[in-house]
Amino acid sequence: MSGDSGLNFDPGLCFIGGKWVEPVSGETLALENPSDGSIICRIARGGAEDIGKAIGAARAALAGEWGAKSAVERGRILTRIGQAVLSHADELAQMEAKDVGKPLKQAKADALALARYLEFYGGACDKIHGETIPYLDGYTVYTLREPHGVTGHIVPWNYPMQIIGRSVGAALAMGNAAVLKPAEEACLTALAFAEIADRGGLPAGALNVVPGLGEEAGAALTSHPDVNHLSFTGSVGVGTLVQAAAADNIVPVTLELGGKSPQIVFDDADLGAALPFVVNAGIQNAGQTCSASSRILMQSGVHDRLLAMMAEKYEALEVGPALSDLNVGPLISARQKQIVSGFLERIEGNAKIVARGKVVADAPEGGHYVVPALIGGVEAGHVLAQDEIFGPVQVVIRFETEEEALAIANGTDYGLVAGIWTKDGARQMRLAKALKSGQVFINNYGAGGGVELPFGGVGKSGHGREKGFEALYGFSVLKTVAAYHG
């Protein structure tokens, strides 16, 4: 890919050991534009041999220039790369919008988030300290934080730039060398990032990028005996396979999986303040977000009014091509469209569609568009309220009491994010403690992305934490040193 801004990489190649190389297979895969079904380009079909070479390059980098860098030097490199990302933000946003199908303004926000992650982790490199531990007389005991070594990163198609920032950025900050397998559905910005990082002075082998199919390149990465830590973001089903493969080599894994995140709106909530958060958290990136707020729990006293307010917002939603920069873009693929449409065919009982958006008249016929749907009258145990839909669909569940709301909110297999809308301070604290969720937001949802805020789930939403300093701890090994000196 090339552009006026100067980024110039061949998506049909892998980036290994600081060089652009052909995949061993010599084969490529078609990369589809979700907005119209056309082929953007062809990407490398990397496989097990390419992954092996990338891991070897990472190991060499650790034994060489990258491993010799001090924390301060690593920080300066990451900060410099972050500044370069900012200078290419518009071009990266264009790539991400076309590749993923998300509206351009959302893609631009992702590019800025990638830069912010690199700034944050660049500044944090030399601030990960050990501690001294009081112990027996004659001993001095202290701890050190050291890198795992080679870290493997499998990044999904919905937020490539953001997840590269919070995963690869943190791993590099701690001094690991990374092998990145981007999703075959959307990998252009991962390859662009490799070029930017190379230009920014990242030593050869510190970052390697191998596109390819999950069952080929991804499986090879998760099962390779010379990988020391794995980070995976994606579905529960694939996450289970990743963890099982890693277990054979006794490799630690950070898993960020699905969600069925609730927002709980009480009778005393400020509905005007809640409304944009409640709606946007469900439709952002066409609902293809692990932390999407797909369940809205409304107390009876505000149910009818808030539902009407949401319906008005939904009816104004416009769906269309990514570069048209509307409210909602297409889903990533025909398969994902089929999955979401299948959920909408399972509306039954008292559940009904209350409001829908609309696809604009000039949207290409080949695009994977699904009209956003607001569904009311849903029972807490219904499949629409239990399973992750991963599309622009929100279900509304009525509740009467705080205890009932808590039971409903905790009543799925997931526990990624939750939102609470109430002016009652005691209720805020009670629910924040009682909700089974990795993040809880009170009178907001998402806190503007929050690079600094630890993120991860419980239950089938995964384990381990990304973002903030917790990510750095996860990408390091704690060593205890006990010195006897009499």
Protein backbone atom coordinates (compact mmCIF):
# COMPACT_ATOMS: atom_id res chain seq x y z
CA MET A 1 0.00 0.00 0.00
CA SER A 2 1.23 3.48 -0.70
CA GLY A 3 -0.04 6.96 -0.14
CA ASP A 4 0.87 10.58 -0.53
CA SER A 5 2.05 10.65 3.09
CA GLY A 6 4.83 8.20 2.26
CA LEU A 7 3.76 4.89 3.81
CA ASN A 8 4.73 2.28 1.27
CA PHE A 9 4.42 -1.40 2.14
CA ASP A 10 3.38 -4.46 0.19
CA PRO A 11 0.46 -6.20 1.97
CA GLY A 12 1.42 -9.41 0.22
CA LEU A 13 4.55 -9.64 2.38
CA CYS A 14 5.36 -10.50 5.99
CA PHE A 15 7.54 -8.29 8.18
CA ILE A 16 10.18 -10.50 9.80
CA GLY A 17 13.50 -9.50 11.33
CA GLY A 18 13.22 -5.93 10.08
CA LYS A 19 12.64 -6.99 6.45
CA TRP A 20 9.64 -7.43 4.16
CA VAL A 21 9.67 -11.01 2.96
CA GLU A 22 7.41 -13.25 0.91
CA PRO A 23 5.51 -15.95 2.79
CA VAL A 24 7.06 -19.38 2.41
CA SER A 25 3.90 -20.62 0.72
CA GLY A 26 4.07 -17.88 -1.89
CA GLU A 27 0.30 -17.62 -1.51
CA THR A 28 -1.94 -14.66 -0.76
CA LEU A 29 -5.46 -14.08 0.56
CA ALA A 30 -8.06 -11.63 -0.73
CA LEU A 31 -8.84 -8.73 1.60
CA GLU A 32 -12.44 -7.60 1.23
CA ASN A 33 -13.93 -4.13 1.64
CA PRO A 34 -17.01 -4.66 3.87
CA SER A 35 -18.65 -1.50 2.51
CA ASP A 36 -19.08 -2.80 -1.04
CA GLY A 37 -17.72 -6.34 -1.21
CA SER A 38 -14.83 -5.38 -3.50
CA ILE A 39 -11.27 -6.67 -3.04
CA ILE A 40 -8.97 -4.06 -1.51
CA CYS A 41 -5.77 -6.00 -2.11
CA ARG A 42 -4.20 -9.37 -1.43
CA ILE A 43 -2.35 -10.14 1.79
CA ALA A 44 0.32 -12.69 2.61
CA ARG A 45 -0.85 -16.15 3.61
CA GLY A 46 1.72 -16.75 6.29
CA GLY A 47 2.00 -20.19 7.86
CA ALA A 48 3.91 -22.22 10.40
CA GLU A 49 7.31 -21.73 8.73
CA ASP A 50 6.85 -17.96 8.64
CA ILE A 51 5.83 -17.95 12.29
CA GLY A 52 8.91 -19.99 13.13
CA LYS A 53 11.13 -17.49 11.33
CA ALA A 54 9.44 -14.59 13.12
CA ILE A 55 9.97 -16.22 16.51
CA GLY A 56 13.60 -16.83 15.62
CA ALA A 57 14.00 -13.16 14.66
CA ALA A 58 12.41 -12.11 17.94
CA ARG A 59 14.74 -14.38 19.89
CA ALA A 60 17.75 -12.91 18.05
CA ALA A 61 16.56 -9.38 18.84
CA LEU A 62 16.42 -10.24 22.54
CA ALA A 63 19.97 -11.58 22.39
CA GLY A 64 21.10 -8.55 20.44
CA GLU A 65 20.28 -4.88 20.03
CA TRP A 66 16.76 -4.85 21.44
CA GLY A 67 17.66 -6.86 24.53
CA ALA A 68 20.53 -4.48 25.25
CA LYS A 69 18.31 -1.39 25.32
CA SER A 70 17.77 0.22 28.69
CA ALA A 71 14.26 1.08 29.88
CA VAL A 72 14.91 4.74 29.10
CA GLU A 73 16.00 3.90 25.55
CA ARG A 74 12.95 1.70 25.00
CA GLY A 75 10.75 4.54 26.20
CA ARG A 76 12.29 7.02 23.80
CA ILE A 77 11.78 4.66 20.86
CA LEU A 78 8.13 4.00 21.71
CA THR A 79 7.47 7.69 22.22
CA ARG A 80 9.05 8.46 18.86
CA ILE A 81 6.89 5.81 17.19
CA GLY A 82 3.82 7.29 18.86
CA GLN A 83 4.61 10.68 17.39
CA ALA A 84 5.02 9.09 13.95
CA VAL A 85 1.62 7.43 14.31
CA LEU A 86 0.13 10.87 14.96
CA SER A 87 1.72 12.22 11.79
CA HIS A 88 0.14 9.35 9.81
CA ALA A 89 -3.18 9.37 11.68
CA ASP A 90 -5.30 10.42 8.71
CA GLU A 91 -3.83 7.77 6.42
CA LEU A 92 -4.15 5.08 9.09
CA ALA A 93 -7.77 6.09 9.66
CA GLN A 94 -8.52 5.75 5.95
CA MET A 95 -7.00 2.27 5.94
CA GLU A 96 -8.87 1.17 9.06
CA ALA A 97 -12.20 2.55 7.84
CA LYS A 98 -11.91 0.80 4.49
CA ASP A 99 -10.54 -2.41 6.00
CA VAL A 100 -12.92 -2.80 8.97
CA GLY A 101 -15.91 -0.88 7.64
CA LYS A 102 -16.18 1.49 10.58
CA PRO A 103 -17.10 5.17 10.06
CA LEU A 104 -14.09 7.35 9.38
CA LYS A 105 -14.43 9.37 12.59
CA GLN A 106 -14.28 6.18 14.64
CA ALA A 107 -11.23 5.00 12.72
CA LYS A 108 -9.52 8.34 13.34
CA ALA A 109 -10.20 7.96 17.06
CA ASP A 110 -8.54 4.55 16.93
CA ALA A 111 -5.43 5.98 15.27
CA LEU A 112 -5.19 8.62 17.99
CA ALA A 113 -5.66 5.92 20.63
CA LEU A 114 -2.77 3.92 19.16
CA ALA A 115 -0.55 6.97 19.46
CA ARG A 116 -1.72 7.55 23.02
CA TYR A 117 -0.91 3.96 24.03
CA LEU A 118 2.62 4.37 22.69
CA GLU A 119 3.02 7.68 24.50
CA PHE A 120 1.75 6.16 27.75
CA TYR A 121 3.91 3.05 27.56
CA GLY A 122 6.88 5.01 26.30
CA GLY A 123 6.65 7.16 29.41
CA ALA A 124 6.11 4.15 31.68
CA CYS A 125 9.10 2.08 30.57
CA ASP A 126 11.45 3.33 33.27
CA LYS A 127 8.79 3.52 36.00
CA ILE A 128 8.23 -0.17 36.66
CA HIS A 129 9.97 -0.62 39.99
CA GLY A 130 10.67 -3.57 42.18
CA GLU A 131 10.48 -3.44 45.96
CA THR A 132 12.51 -4.37 49.00
CA ILE A 133 10.96 -6.83 51.45
CA PRO A 134 11.74 -6.74 55.19
CA TYR A 135 13.00 -10.18 56.13
CA LEU A 136 15.27 -11.99 58.57
CA ASP A 137 18.33 -10.33 60.04
CA GLY A 138 21.29 -10.71 57.74
CA TYR A 139 19.20 -10.70 54.55
CA THR A 140 18.38 -8.09 51.95
CA VAL A 141 15.48 -9.17 49.76
CA TYR A 142 14.26 -7.35 46.66
CA THR A 143 12.18 -8.01 43.55
CA LEU A 144 12.78 -7.36 39.86
CA ARG A 145 10.40 -7.13 36.90
CA GLU A 146 11.82 -8.84 33.81
CA PRO A 147 10.39 -9.51 30.33
CA HIS A 148 8.91 -12.91 29.47
CA GLY A 149 10.94 -13.04 26.25
CA VAL A 150 9.04 -13.70 23.00
CA THR A 151 5.41 -12.68 23.19
CA GLY A 152 2.75 -13.74 20.69
CA HIS A 153 -0.15 -11.43 19.88
CA ILE A 154 -3.29 -12.46 18.01
CA VAL A 155 -5.27 -9.33 17.23
CA PRO A 156 -8.90 -9.32 16.01
CA TRP A 157 -10.43 -7.42 13.12
CA ASN A 158 -12.70 -5.04 15.03
CA TYR A 159 -10.10 -2.70 16.63
CA PRO A 160 -6.68 -3.55 15.16
CA MET A 161 -4.93 -0.29 16.04
CA GLN A 162 -6.27 0.00 19.57
CA ILE A 163 -5.45 -3.59 20.45
CA ILE A 164 -1.98 -3.40 18.92
CA GLY A 165 -1.38 -0.35 21.10
CA ARG A 166 -2.51 -1.90 24.36
CA SER A 167 -0.98 -5.33 23.70
CA VAL A 168 2.14 -4.96 21.57
CA GLY A 169 2.89 -1.52 23.04
CA ALA A 170 2.91 -2.87 26.59
CA ALA A 171 4.95 -5.95 25.64
CA LEU A 172 7.65 -3.85 23.95
CA ALA A 173 7.72 -1.42 26.86
CA MET A 174 8.68 -4.26 29.17
CA GLY A 175 11.46 -5.35 26.83
CA ASN A 176 9.78 -8.35 25.18
CA ALA A 177 10.10 -9.05 21.45
CA ALA A 178 6.74 -9.47 19.73
CA VAL A 179 5.28 -11.66 17.00
CA LEU A 180 1.97 -10.25 15.78
CA LYS A 181 -0.64 -12.26 13.85
CA PRO A 182 -3.33 -9.79 12.71
CA ALA A 183 -6.79 -10.96 11.65
CA GLU A 184 -6.99 -12.01 8.02
CA GLU A 185 -10.16 -9.88 7.65
CA ALA A 186 -8.41 -6.61 8.58
CA CYS A 187 -4.65 -6.33 8.79
CA LEU A 188 -3.60 -3.23 6.83
CA THR A 189 -2.92 -1.01 9.84
CA ALA A 190 -0.92 -3.78 11.51
CA LEU A 191 1.37 -3.86 8.50
CA ALA A 192 1.46 -0.07 8.35
CA PHE A 193 2.42 -0.01 12.02
CA ALA A 194 5.34 -2.33 11.30
CA GLU A 195 6.63 0.14 8.73
CA ILE A 196 6.16 3.10 11.07
CA ALA A 197 7.91 1.27 13.93
CA ASP A 198 10.80 0.31 11.66
CA ARG A 199 11.23 3.90 10.51
CA GLY A 200 11.01 5.02 14.14
CA GLY A 201 14.12 3.08 15.08
CA LEU A 202 12.69 -0.11 16.58
CA PRO A 203 15.52 -2.65 16.25
CA ALA A 204 15.08 -5.48 13.76
CA GLY A 205 13.19 -8.45 15.20
CA ALA A 206 11.64 -6.59 18.11
CA LEU A 207 8.35 -6.56 16.17
CA ASN A 208 7.41 -9.13 13.53
CA VAL A 209 4.09 -9.25 11.67
CA VAL A 210 2.81 -12.38 9.94
CA PRO A 211 -0.61 -12.16 8.29
CA GLY A 212 -2.46 -15.37 7.55
CA LEU A 213 -5.33 -17.61 8.53
CA GLY A 214 -6.05 -18.30 12.17
CA GLU A 215 -5.99 -22.06 11.71
CA GLU A 216 -2.58 -21.82 10.05
CA ALA A 217 -0.45 -18.90 11.26
CA GLY A 218 -2.47 -18.35 14.42
CA ALA A 219 -2.39 -21.99 15.44
CA ALA A 220 1.36 -22.15 14.78
CA LEU A 221 1.97 -19.15 17.02
CA THR A 222 -0.11 -20.43 19.93
CA SER A 223 1.49 -23.87 19.91
CA HIS A 224 5.12 -22.90 19.30
CA PRO A 225 7.39 -24.04 22.15
CA ASP A 226 9.62 -20.97 21.93
CA VAL A 227 6.87 -18.45 22.69
CA ASN A 228 6.91 -17.29 26.32
CA HIS A 229 3.60 -15.43 26.62
CA LEU A 230 0.45 -15.17 24.52
CA SER A 231 -2.10 -12.39 24.21
CA PHE A 232 -5.38 -13.12 22.45
CA THR A 233 -8.45 -11.00 21.86
CA GLY A 234 -11.42 -12.61 20.15
CA SER A 235 -14.20 -15.13 20.56
CA VAL A 236 -14.70 -17.51 23.46
CA GLY A 237 -14.43 -20.51 21.15
CA VAL A 238 -11.07 -19.53 19.70
CA GLY A 239 -9.85 -18.31 23.08
CA THR A 240 -10.46 -21.80 24.45
CA LEU A 241 -8.30 -23.27 21.68
CA VAL A 242 -5.55 -20.72 22.33
CA GLN A 243 -5.48 -21.50 26.04
CA ALA A 244 -5.43 -25.25 25.40
CA ALA A 245 -2.52 -24.92 22.94
CA ALA A 246 -0.59 -22.71 25.35
CA ALA A 247 -1.14 -25.18 28.17
CA ASP A 248 0.90 -27.81 26.35
CA ASN A 249 3.93 -25.53 26.69
CA ILE A 250 2.97 -24.11 30.12
CA VAL A 251 2.75 -20.63 28.62
CA PRO A 252 0.77 -17.85 30.36
CA VAL A 253 -2.07 -16.34 28.37
CA THR A 254 -3.94 -13.05 28.52
CA LEU A 255 -7.45 -13.59 27.13
CA GLU A 256 -9.88 -10.78 26.33
CA LEU A 257 -12.99 -12.48 25.02
CA GLY A 258 -16.69 -11.75 24.64
CA GLY A 259 -19.16 -9.74 26.63
CA LYS A 260 -22.83 -9.12 27.24
CA SER A 261 -22.34 -5.89 29.10
CA PRO A 262 -25.29 -4.28 30.91
CA GLN A 263 -26.11 -0.67 31.64
CA ILE A 264 -28.47 -0.40 34.62
CA VAL A 265 -30.67 2.70 34.63
CA PHE A 266 -32.52 3.49 37.86
CA ASP A 267 -35.56 5.71 38.37
CA ASP A 268 -33.43 8.54 39.77
CA ALA A 269 -30.97 8.59 36.84
CA ASP A 270 -30.31 11.67 34.73
CA LEU A 271 -31.80 10.34 31.51
CA GLY A 272 -30.50 13.20 29.40
CA ALA A 273 -26.95 12.43 30.49
CA ALA A 274 -27.42 8.68 30.13
CA LEU A 275 -29.03 8.61 26.69
CA PRO A 276 -25.96 9.16 24.43
CA PHE A 277 -23.89 6.68 26.43
CA VAL A 278 -26.63 4.07 26.43
CA VAL A 279 -27.12 4.23 22.66
CA ASN A 280 -23.56 4.83 21.45
CA ALA A 281 -22.15 1.96 23.51
CA GLY A 282 -24.36 -0.41 21.55
CA ILE A 283 -23.90 0.83 17.99
CA GLN A 284 -20.25 1.89 17.94
CA ASN A 285 -18.36 -0.06 15.28
CA ALA A 286 -21.74 -1.56 14.29
CA GLY A 287 -21.91 -3.27 17.68
CA GLN A 288 -18.78 -5.29 16.89
CA THR A 289 -17.18 -4.49 20.22
CA CYS A 290 -16.50 -6.91 23.08
CA SER A 291 -17.46 -4.24 25.62
CA ALA A 292 -20.57 -3.15 23.71
CA SER A 293 -23.51 -2.40 25.95
CA SER A 294 -25.95 -4.85 24.42
CA ARG A 295 -28.28 -5.10 27.46
CA ILE A 296 -30.08 -2.06 28.82
CA LEU A 297 -31.74 -2.68 32.17
CA MET A 298 -34.43 -0.08 32.93
CA GLN A 299 -36.26 0.34 36.21
CA SER A 300 -40.03 0.46 35.75
CA GLY A 301 -40.35 4.14 36.69
CA VAL A 302 -38.19 5.29 33.76
CA HIS A 303 -38.68 2.37 31.40
CA ASP A 304 -41.28 3.84 29.05
CA ARG A 305 -39.69 7.28 28.89
CA LEU A 306 -36.14 6.07 28.30
CA LEU A 307 -37.28 3.50 25.77
CA ALA A 308 -39.05 6.23 23.81
CA MET A 309 -35.94 8.41 23.96
CA MET A 310 -33.78 5.54 22.70
CA ALA A 311 -36.29 4.76 19.94
CA GLU A 312 -36.09 8.34 18.69
CA LYS A 313 -32.29 8.07 18.54
CA TYR A 314 -32.45 4.74 16.73
CA GLU A 315 -34.85 5.98 14.09
CA ALA A 316 -32.37 8.75 13.22
CA LEU A 317 -29.43 6.33 12.76
CA GLU A 318 -28.00 6.10 9.27
CA VAL A 319 -26.05 3.11 8.03
CA GLY A 320 -23.71 3.28 5.06
CA PRO A 321 -20.18 2.97 3.67
CA ALA A 322 -17.30 3.60 6.03
CA LEU A 323 -15.95 6.61 4.16
CA SER A 324 -19.40 8.26 4.17
CA ASP A 325 -18.75 8.70 7.91
CA LEU A 326 -22.33 8.03 9.07
CA ASN A 327 -23.48 6.65 12.42
CA VAL A 328 -22.97 2.98 11.58
CA GLY A 329 -20.93 1.15 8.96
CA PRO A 330 -21.21 -2.39 7.59
CA LEU A 331 -20.42 -5.58 9.46
CA ILE A 332 -17.04 -7.10 8.71
CA SER A 333 -18.24 -9.96 6.50
CA ALA A 334 -21.18 -11.76 4.94
CA ARG A 335 -20.77 -14.44 7.60
CA GLN A 336 -21.07 -11.92 10.42
CA LYS A 337 -24.14 -10.43 8.75
CA GLN A 338 -25.69 -13.87 8.61
CA ILE A 339 -24.99 -14.46 12.31
CA VAL A 340 -26.55 -11.17 13.39
CA SER A 341 -29.53 -11.60 11.08
CA GLY A 342 -30.03 -15.05 12.58
CA PHE A 343 -30.35 -13.57 16.06
CA LEU A 344 -32.96 -11.10 14.82
CA GLU A 345 -35.02 -14.01 13.52
CA ARG A 346 -35.23 -15.41 17.06
CA ILE A 347 -37.39 -12.62 18.48
CA GLU A 348 -40.34 -14.24 20.21
CA GLY A 349 -42.82 -13.92 23.05
CA ASN A 350 -43.21 -10.40 24.41
CA ALA A 351 -40.01 -9.25 22.70
CA LYS A 352 -40.42 -6.95 19.73
CA ILE A 353 -38.42 -4.49 17.67
CA VAL A 354 -39.22 -1.04 19.02
CA ALA A 355 -37.16 1.00 16.57
CA ARG A 356 -34.68 0.59 13.73
CA GLY A 357 -32.27 2.79 11.85
CA LYS A 358 -32.03 2.84 8.09
CA VAL A 359 -29.52 2.01 5.39
CA VAL A 360 -28.92 5.04 3.17
CA ALA A 361 -30.23 4.78 -0.37
CA ASP A 362 -26.83 4.94 -2.04
CA ALA A 363 -25.20 2.21 0.06
CA PRO A 364 -23.53 -0.33 -2.26
CA GLU A 365 -25.45 -3.57 -2.69
CA GLY A 366 -22.35 -5.63 -1.97
CA GLY A 367 -21.89 -4.15 1.51
CA HIS A 368 -22.61 -6.17 4.65
CA TYR A 369 -25.21 -3.87 6.16
CA VAL A 370 -27.52 -4.70 9.07
CA VAL A 371 -30.03 -2.12 10.24
CA PRO A 372 -29.55 -1.32 13.96
CA ALA A 373 -32.38 -2.77 16.07
CA LEU A 374 -33.69 -1.78 19.50
CA ILE A 375 -35.63 -4.69 21.00
CA GLY A 376 -37.98 -4.23 23.96
CA GLY A 377 -39.84 -6.70 26.17
CA VAL A 378 -36.93 -9.13 26.36
CA GLU A 379 -36.81 -11.66 29.19
CA ALA A 380 -33.51 -11.94 31.05
CA GLY A 381 -33.03 -15.58 30.11
CA HIS A 382 -33.77 -15.20 26.40
CA VAL A 383 -30.97 -16.00 23.96
CA LEU A 384 -30.93 -12.35 22.83
CA ALA A 385 -30.14 -11.35 26.43
CA GLN A 386 -27.62 -14.14 27.02
CA ASP A 387 -25.51 -14.60 23.88
CA GLU A 388 -23.08 -12.14 22.36
CA ILE A 389 -24.66 -10.94 19.10
CA PHE A 390 -21.73 -8.78 17.94
CA GLY A 391 -23.90 -6.51 15.85
CA PRO A 392 -25.88 -3.25 16.24
CA VAL A 393 -28.57 -4.80 18.42
CA GLN A 394 -29.58 -3.75 21.93
CA VAL A 395 -32.15 -5.47 24.11
CA VAL A 396 -34.14 -3.74 26.83
CA ILE A 397 -35.01 -5.57 30.07
CA ARG A 398 -37.39 -4.12 32.67
CA PHE A 399 -36.67 -4.52 36.39
CA GLU A 400 -38.30 -3.43 39.64
CA THR A 401 -35.75 -3.57 42.44
CA GLU A 402 -32.00 -3.17 42.92
CA GLU A 403 -31.72 -6.84 43.86
CA GLU A 404 -33.48 -7.89 40.66
CA ALA A 405 -31.26 -5.64 38.57
CA LEU A 406 -28.13 -7.15 40.12
CA ALA A 407 -29.34 -10.69 39.50
CA ILE A 408 -30.08 -9.90 35.85
CA ALA A 409 -26.79 -8.08 35.32
CA ASN A 410 -24.80 -10.98 36.77
CA GLY A 411 -26.98 -13.57 35.06
CA THR A 412 -24.82 -14.35 32.01
CA ASP A 413 -21.58 -16.24 31.43
CA TYR A 414 -19.77 -12.96 30.76
CA GLY A 415 -18.34 -10.19 32.92
CA LEU A 416 -16.45 -7.54 30.98
CA VAL A 417 -18.02 -4.10 31.54
CA ALA A 418 -21.07 -2.74 33.39
CA GLY A 419 -22.63 0.70 33.72
CA ILE A 420 -24.69 2.11 36.62
CA TRP A 421 -26.92 5.16 36.28
CA THR A 422 -28.18 6.49 39.63
CA LYS A 423 -27.74 9.51 41.88
CA ASP A 424 -27.81 7.33 45.01
CA GLY A 425 -24.23 7.17 46.25
CA ALA A 426 -24.75 4.18 48.52
CA ARG A 427 -26.37 2.25 45.68
CA GLN A 428 -23.44 3.13 43.43
CA MET A 429 -20.99 1.60 45.88
CA ARG A 430 -23.10 -1.48 46.60
CA LEU A 431 -23.52 -2.35 42.95
CA ALA A 432 -19.94 -1.54 41.98
CA LYS A 433 -18.78 -4.14 44.51
CA ALA A 434 -21.46 -6.71 43.70
CA LEU A 435 -21.29 -6.66 39.89
CA LYS A 436 -19.23 -9.50 38.40
CA SER A 437 -17.37 -7.38 35.90
CA GLY A 438 -13.83 -6.33 35.08
CA GLN A 439 -14.83 -2.67 34.75
CA VAL A 440 -17.74 -0.76 36.29
CA PHE A 441 -18.66 2.76 35.21
CA ILE A 442 -20.89 4.98 37.34
CA ASN A 443 -22.91 7.65 35.54
CA ASN A 444 -20.81 7.15 32.41
CA TYR A 445 -19.78 4.26 30.20
CA GLY A 446 -16.26 3.74 28.91
CA ALA A 447 -14.64 6.85 30.40
CA GLY A 448 -13.49 7.97 26.96
CA GLY A 449 -11.41 4.87 26.30
CA GLY A 450 -9.06 5.27 29.25
CA VAL A 451 -5.62 4.05 28.13
CA GLU A 452 -4.63 4.23 31.80
CA LEU A 453 -7.54 2.08 33.05
CA PRO A 454 -6.94 -1.68 33.52
CA PHE A 455 -9.25 -3.66 31.24
CA GLY A 456 -10.25 -7.31 31.19
CA GLY A 457 -12.99 -9.67 32.21
CA VAL A 458 -14.18 -12.43 34.49
CA GLY A 459 -15.97 -15.64 33.57
CA LYS A 460 -16.11 -16.26 29.83
CA SER A 461 -14.96 -12.70 29.19
CA GLY A 462 -11.44 -13.92 29.86
CA HIS A 463 -8.65 -13.28 32.34
CA GLY A 464 -5.60 -11.12 32.72
CA ARG A 465 -5.57 -7.35 32.31
CA GLU A 466 -4.60 -4.99 29.52
CA LYS A 467 -4.15 -1.22 29.57
CA GLY A 468 -2.55 0.85 32.30
CA PHE A 469 0.30 -0.39 34.46
CA GLU A 470 -1.46 -3.72 34.99
CA ALA A 471 -0.64 -4.63 31.39
CA LEU A 472 3.05 -4.02 32.06
CA TYR A 473 2.92 -6.32 35.08
CA GLY A 474 1.26 -8.97 32.92
CA PHE A 475 3.99 -8.73 30.29
CA SER A 476 6.69 -9.24 32.89
CA VAL A 477 7.94 -11.92 35.26
CA LEU A 478 8.52 -11.13 38.93
CA LYS A 479 11.86 -12.32 40.26
CA THR A 480 12.70 -12.38 43.97
CA VAL A 481 16.35 -11.98 45.01
CA ALA A 482 17.33 -12.88 48.59
CA ALA A 483 20.92 -11.93 49.51
CA TYR A 484 22.43 -13.24 52.74
CA HIS A 485 25.21 -11.02 54.00
CA GLY A 486 25.33 -11.82 57.71
